[in-house]
Amino acid sequence: MVAVCVIVSVFSGCWLEDQVLRLQFPVRYSEYVERYADSMDIDPNLVYAIIKNESNFRRNAQSPVGAMGLMQLMEPTAYDIAHNHGVIPDFSIDDVLEPAVNIRLGTWYIRHLLNLYDGNLVNALAAYNAGQGRVNEWLGNPDWVENGTLVYIPYGETRRYIERVLEAIDAYERLNRR
């Protein structure tokens, strides 16, 4: 009888943990996340983690500084990606709130940042949050870099953002392994 209780407890604990994780780390817009992550050769868990932290999957999210949509793209960035890089030539700013468009532009931008920083996820996430100019400036300070990775980030918001995204990636990976 004790063995049965232990087995049930172990399995229900895993089930309960999965349910809590699924509530904390939802998977929405998967048709777009999977399609555009695959086309950009990006782990979909990274895209889910960014969306979770940027907008908590609210498609109409707008930040006080003007970032918009699921992946919280700034208007100049969205225009640049859509028009100058030919991702969506007939793009208008109203389109950025459409999940398919926002995720397409956002995954392109993440791929661009990963390429720019030689696949370094920490540096790419820092640039996604604080901007490429700031990250390039920080990378120029040898006291803040170790083996090409930022180890000190002067913006607390950016440090916390990177930590949250990395934790979310881990949670999405755990959910997808089960």
C-alpha atoms as a PDB file:
ATOM      1  CA  MET A   1       0.000   0.000   0.000  1.00  0.00           C
ATOM      2  CA  VAL A   2       2.834   2.415   0.851  1.00  0.00           C
ATOM      3  CA  ALA A   3       4.520   1.676  -2.487  1.00  0.00           C
ATOM      4  CA  VAL A   4       1.301   2.521  -4.350  1.00  0.00           C
ATOM      5  CA  CYS A   5       1.018   5.828  -2.484  1.00  0.00           C
ATOM      6  CA  VAL A   6       4.621   6.681  -3.304  1.00  0.00           C
ATOM      7  CA  ILE A   7       4.126   5.853  -6.991  1.00  0.00           C
ATOM      8  CA  VAL A   8       0.875   7.834  -7.176  1.00  0.00           C
ATOM      9  CA  SER A   9       2.492  10.717  -5.325  1.00  0.00           C
ATOM     10  CA  VAL A  10       5.469  10.761  -7.690  1.00  0.00           C
ATOM     11  CA  PHE A  11       3.307  10.672 -10.821  1.00  0.00           C
ATOM     12  CA  SER A  12       0.772  13.177  -9.555  1.00  0.00           C
ATOM     13  CA  GLY A  13       3.614  15.453  -8.474  1.00  0.00           C
ATOM     14  CA  CYS A  14       4.990  15.414 -12.031  1.00  0.00           C
ATOM     15  CA  TRP A  15       1.516  15.927 -13.426  1.00  0.00           C
ATOM     16  CA  LEU A  16       0.899  18.814 -11.034  1.00  0.00           C
ATOM     17  CA  GLU A  17       4.272  20.351 -11.809  1.00  0.00           C
ATOM     18  CA  ASP A  18       3.504  20.099 -15.546  1.00  0.00           C
ATOM     19  CA  GLN A  19       0.145  21.779 -15.058  1.00  0.00           C
ATOM     20  CA  VAL A  20       1.671  24.642 -13.069  1.00  0.00           C
ATOM     21  CA  LEU A  21       4.409  25.078 -15.689  1.00  0.00           C
ATOM     22  CA  ARG A  22       1.825  25.081 -18.484  1.00  0.00           C
ATOM     23  CA  LEU A  23      -0.106  27.826 -16.708  1.00  0.00           C
ATOM     24  CA  GLN A  24       3.027  29.881 -16.124  1.00  0.00           C
ATOM     25  CA  PHE A  25       4.499  29.249 -19.572  1.00  0.00           C
ATOM     26  CA  PRO A  26       1.675  29.010 -22.104  1.00  0.00           C
ATOM     27  CA  VAL A  27       2.140  28.028 -25.724  1.00  0.00           C
ATOM     28  CA  ARG A  28       0.053  30.209 -28.000  1.00  0.00           C
ATOM     29  CA  TYR A  29       0.294  31.166 -31.658  1.00  0.00           C
ATOM     30  CA  SER A  30       2.228  27.945 -32.191  1.00  0.00           C
ATOM     31  CA  GLU A  31       1.430  27.778 -35.917  1.00  0.00           C
ATOM     32  CA  TYR A  32       3.336  31.055 -36.407  1.00  0.00           C
ATOM     33  CA  VAL A  33       6.050  30.447 -33.819  1.00  0.00           C
ATOM     34  CA  GLU A  34       6.886  27.022 -35.230  1.00  0.00           C
ATOM     35  CA  ARG A  35       6.768  28.170 -38.887  1.00  0.00           C
ATOM     36  CA  TYR A  36       8.885  31.294 -38.491  1.00  0.00           C
ATOM     37  CA  ALA A  37      11.294  29.826 -35.947  1.00  0.00           C
ATOM     38  CA  ASP A  38      11.916  26.958 -38.347  1.00  0.00           C
ATOM     39  CA  SER A  39      12.381  29.299 -41.323  1.00  0.00           C
ATOM     40  CA  MET A  40      14.924  31.339 -39.338  1.00  0.00           C
ATOM     41  CA  ASP A  41      16.624  28.268 -37.819  1.00  0.00           C
ATOM     42  CA  ILE A  42      15.773  29.364 -34.285  1.00  0.00           C
ATOM     43  CA  ASP A  43      14.671  27.195 -31.368  1.00  0.00           C
ATOM     44  CA  PRO A  44      10.912  27.772 -30.972  1.00  0.00           C
ATOM     45  CA  ASN A  45      11.427  27.706 -27.188  1.00  0.00           C
ATOM     46  CA  LEU A  46      13.452  30.901 -27.539  1.00  0.00           C
ATOM     47  CA  VAL A  47      10.606  32.578 -29.426  1.00  0.00           C
ATOM     48  CA  TYR A  48       8.028  31.440 -26.850  1.00  0.00           C
ATOM     49  CA  ALA A  49      10.304  32.704 -24.053  1.00  0.00           C
ATOM     50  CA  ILE A  50      10.694  36.112 -25.680  1.00  0.00           C
ATOM     51  CA  ILE A  51       6.949  36.445 -26.285  1.00  0.00           C
ATOM     52  CA  LYS A  52       6.236  35.348 -22.699  1.00  0.00           C
ATOM     53  CA  ASN A  53       8.561  38.025 -21.348  1.00  0.00           C
ATOM     54  CA  GLU A  54       7.753  40.786 -23.808  1.00  0.00           C
ATOM     55  CA  SER A  55       3.946  40.655 -23.919  1.00  0.00           C
ATOM     56  CA  ASN A  56       2.787  37.593 -21.970  1.00  0.00           C
ATOM     57  CA  PHE A  57       1.080  36.544 -25.239  1.00  0.00           C
ATOM     58  CA  ARG A  58      -1.088  39.693 -25.432  1.00  0.00           C
ATOM     59  CA  ARG A  59      -1.238  40.409 -29.162  1.00  0.00           C
ATOM     60  CA  ASN A  60      -2.180  44.087 -28.691  1.00  0.00           C
ATOM     61  CA  ALA A  61       0.430  44.811 -26.030  1.00  0.00           C
ATOM     62  CA  GLN A  62       2.007  48.264 -26.225  1.00  0.00           C
ATOM     63  CA  SER A  63       4.793  49.504 -24.006  1.00  0.00           C
ATOM     64  CA  PRO A  64       5.147  53.054 -22.682  1.00  0.00           C
ATOM     65  CA  VAL A  65       8.117  53.576 -25.036  1.00  0.00           C
ATOM     66  CA  GLY A  66       6.175  52.433 -28.105  1.00  0.00           C
ATOM     67  CA  ALA A  67       7.046  48.750 -28.538  1.00  0.00           C
ATOM     68  CA  MET A  68       4.131  46.845 -30.013  1.00  0.00           C
ATOM     69  CA  GLY A  69       2.660  43.386 -30.311  1.00  0.00           C
ATOM     70  CA  LEU A  70       3.622  39.960 -29.105  1.00  0.00           C
ATOM     71  CA  MET A  71       7.363  40.421 -29.555  1.00  0.00           C
ATOM     72  CA  GLN A  72       7.276  44.132 -28.637  1.00  0.00           C
ATOM     73  CA  LEU A  73       8.833  45.597 -31.753  1.00  0.00           C
ATOM     74  CA  MET A  74       9.615  49.280 -31.978  1.00  0.00           C
ATOM     75  CA  GLU A  75       8.138  51.028 -35.024  1.00  0.00           C
ATOM     76  CA  PRO A  76      11.505  51.916 -36.652  1.00  0.00           C
ATOM     77  CA  THR A  77      12.763  48.355 -36.165  1.00  0.00           C
ATOM     78  CA  ALA A  78       9.590  46.842 -37.631  1.00  0.00           C
ATOM     79  CA  TYR A  79       9.726  49.177 -40.654  1.00  0.00           C
ATOM     80  CA  ASP A  80      13.412  48.484 -41.210  1.00  0.00           C
ATOM     81  CA  ILE A  81      12.964  44.711 -41.128  1.00  0.00           C
ATOM     82  CA  ALA A  82       9.829  44.745 -43.272  1.00  0.00           C
ATOM     83  CA  HIS A  83      10.944  47.219 -45.951  1.00  0.00           C
ATOM     84  CA  ASN A  84      14.737  47.422 -46.031  1.00  0.00           C
ATOM     85  CA  HIS A  85      15.259  43.690 -45.636  1.00  0.00           C
ATOM     86  CA  GLY A  86      12.303  42.721 -47.820  1.00  0.00           C
ATOM     87  CA  VAL A  87      10.566  40.584 -45.219  1.00  0.00           C
ATOM     88  CA  ILE A  88       7.124  42.163 -45.834  1.00  0.00           C
ATOM     89  CA  PRO A  89       7.378  44.819 -48.585  1.00  0.00           C
ATOM     90  CA  ASP A  90       3.751  46.022 -48.282  1.00  0.00           C
ATOM     91  CA  PHE A  91       3.964  46.361 -44.491  1.00  0.00           C
ATOM     92  CA  SER A  92       2.171  49.151 -42.626  1.00  0.00           C
ATOM     93  CA  ILE A  93       2.620  49.815 -38.921  1.00  0.00           C
ATOM     94  CA  ASP A  94      -0.920  48.627 -38.145  1.00  0.00           C
ATOM     95  CA  ASP A  95       0.170  45.162 -39.317  1.00  0.00           C
ATOM     96  CA  VAL A  96       2.598  44.825 -36.403  1.00  0.00           C
ATOM     97  CA  LEU A  97      -0.253  43.871 -34.076  1.00  0.00           C
ATOM     98  CA  GLU A  98      -1.152  40.868 -36.242  1.00  0.00           C
ATOM     99  CA  PRO A  99       0.422  37.784 -34.630  1.00  0.00           C
ATOM    100  CA  ALA A 100       1.688  36.302 -37.907  1.00  0.00           C
ATOM    101  CA  VAL A 101       3.360  39.565 -38.929  1.00  0.00           C
ATOM    102  CA  ASN A 102       4.767  40.340 -35.479  1.00  0.00           C
ATOM    103  CA  ILE A 103       6.242  36.873 -35.027  1.00  0.00           C
ATOM    104  CA  ARG A 104       7.645  36.867 -38.569  1.00  0.00           C
ATOM    105  CA  LEU A 105       9.392  40.202 -38.008  1.00  0.00           C
ATOM    106  CA  GLY A 106      10.473  39.283 -34.473  1.00  0.00           C
ATOM    107  CA  THR A 107      12.022  35.958 -35.483  1.00  0.00           C
ATOM    108  CA  TRP A 108      13.855  37.682 -38.339  1.00  0.00           C
ATOM    109  CA  TYR A 109      15.214  40.195 -35.836  1.00  0.00           C
ATOM    110  CA  ILE A 110      16.337  37.513 -33.393  1.00  0.00           C
ATOM    111  CA  ARG A 111      18.119  35.654 -36.211  1.00  0.00           C
ATOM    112  CA  HIS A 112      19.763  38.933 -37.255  1.00  0.00           C
ATOM    113  CA  LEU A 113      20.985  39.558 -33.684  1.00  0.00           C
ATOM    114  CA  LEU A 114      22.230  35.989 -33.277  1.00  0.00           C
ATOM    115  CA  ASN A 115      24.165  36.350 -36.543  1.00  0.00           C
ATOM    116  CA  LEU A 116      25.478  39.754 -35.521  1.00  0.00           C
ATOM    117  CA  TYR A 117      26.783  38.387 -32.215  1.00  0.00           C
ATOM    118  CA  ASP A 118      28.132  35.101 -33.611  1.00  0.00           C
ATOM    119  CA  GLY A 119      25.342  32.995 -32.098  1.00  0.00           C
ATOM    120  CA  ASN A 120      25.877  34.403 -28.610  1.00  0.00           C
ATOM    121  CA  LEU A 121      22.429  34.245 -27.013  1.00  0.00           C
ATOM    122  CA  VAL A 122      23.218  36.493 -24.032  1.00  0.00           C
ATOM    123  CA  ASN A 123      24.536  39.271 -26.268  1.00  0.00           C
ATOM    124  CA  ALA A 124      21.615  38.879 -28.703  1.00  0.00           C
ATOM    125  CA  LEU A 125      19.049  39.051 -25.884  1.00  0.00           C
ATOM    126  CA  ALA A 126      20.788  42.087 -24.425  1.00  0.00           C
ATOM    127  CA  ALA A 127      20.551  43.787 -27.823  1.00  0.00           C
ATOM    128  CA  TYR A 128      16.895  42.786 -28.196  1.00  0.00           C
ATOM    129  CA  ASN A 129      16.163  44.506 -24.900  1.00  0.00           C
ATOM    130  CA  ALA A 130      18.592  47.445 -24.762  1.00  0.00           C
ATOM    131  CA  GLY A 131      19.518  47.965 -28.403  1.00  0.00           C
ATOM    132  CA  GLN A 132      22.494  47.047 -30.527  1.00  0.00           C
ATOM    133  CA  GLY A 133      24.285  50.354 -29.953  1.00  0.00           C
ATOM    134  CA  ARG A 134      24.337  49.906 -26.201  1.00  0.00           C
ATOM    135  CA  VAL A 135      25.433  46.286 -26.430  1.00  0.00           C
ATOM    136  CA  ASN A 136      28.230  47.162 -28.835  1.00  0.00           C
ATOM    137  CA  GLU A 137      29.353  49.842 -26.391  1.00  0.00           C
ATOM    138  CA  TRP A 138      29.254  47.373 -23.480  1.00  0.00           C
ATOM    139  CA  LEU A 139      31.181  44.776 -25.492  1.00  0.00           C
ATOM    140  CA  GLY A 140      33.893  47.390 -25.956  1.00  0.00           C
ATOM    141  CA  ASN A 141      34.600  47.399 -22.222  1.00  0.00           C
ATOM    142  CA  PRO A 142      36.999  44.501 -21.545  1.00  0.00           C
ATOM    143  CA  ASP A 143      36.022  44.444 -17.861  1.00  0.00           C
ATOM    144  CA  TRP A 144      32.435  43.546 -18.849  1.00  0.00           C
ATOM    145  CA  VAL A 145      33.226  40.738 -21.308  1.00  0.00           C
ATOM    146  CA  GLU A 146      34.513  37.210 -20.894  1.00  0.00           C
ATOM    147  CA  ASN A 147      35.113  34.977 -23.923  1.00  0.00           C
ATOM    148  CA  GLY A 148      32.988  37.291 -26.069  1.00  0.00           C
ATOM    149  CA  THR A 149      29.986  37.213 -23.713  1.00  0.00           C
ATOM    150  CA  LEU A 150      28.735  40.098 -21.632  1.00  0.00           C
ATOM    151  CA  VAL A 151      29.267  39.146 -17.991  1.00  0.00           C
ATOM    152  CA  TYR A 152      28.382  42.549 -16.631  1.00  0.00           C
ATOM    153  CA  ILE A 153      25.398  44.485 -17.914  1.00  0.00           C
ATOM    154  CA  PRO A 154      25.012  47.961 -16.449  1.00  0.00           C
ATOM    155  CA  TYR A 155      21.228  48.060 -16.979  1.00  0.00           C
ATOM    156  CA  GLY A 156      19.404  46.141 -14.265  1.00  0.00           C
ATOM    157  CA  GLU A 157      16.327  45.844 -16.484  1.00  0.00           C
ATOM    158  CA  THR A 158      18.382  44.151 -19.207  1.00  0.00           C
ATOM    159  CA  ARG A 159      20.094  41.813 -16.721  1.00  0.00           C
ATOM    160  CA  ARG A 160      16.717  40.741 -15.333  1.00  0.00           C
ATOM    161  CA  TYR A 161      15.261  40.420 -18.831  1.00  0.00           C
ATOM    162  CA  ILE A 162      18.019  38.027 -19.902  1.00  0.00           C
ATOM    163  CA  GLU A 163      17.599  35.970 -16.704  1.00  0.00           C
ATOM    164  CA  ARG A 164      13.819  35.733 -17.224  1.00  0.00           C
ATOM    165  CA  VAL A 165      14.139  34.738 -20.873  1.00  0.00           C
ATOM    166  CA  LEU A 166      16.755  32.073 -20.083  1.00  0.00           C
ATOM    167  CA  GLU A 167      14.546  30.700 -17.288  1.00  0.00           C
ATOM    168  CA  ALA A 168      11.569  30.638 -19.660  1.00  0.00           C
ATOM    169  CA  ILE A 169      13.599  28.799 -22.310  1.00  0.00           C
ATOM    170  CA  ASP A 170      14.448  26.192 -19.681  1.00  0.00           C
ATOM    171  CA  ALA A 171      10.784  25.860 -18.669  1.00  0.00           C
ATOM    172  CA  TYR A 172       9.635  25.474 -22.289  1.00  0.00           C
ATOM    173  CA  GLU A 173      12.345  22.872 -22.895  1.00  0.00           C
ATOM    174  CA  ARG A 174      11.229  20.899 -19.813  1.00  0.00           C
ATOM    175  CA  LEU A 175       7.612  21.003 -20.972  1.00  0.00           C
ATOM    176  CA  ASN A 176       8.516  19.898 -24.486  1.00  0.00           C
ATOM    177  CA  ARG A 177      10.643  16.969 -23.241  1.00  0.00           C
ATOM    178  CA  ARG A 178       7.772  15.424 -21.316  1.00  0.00           C
END
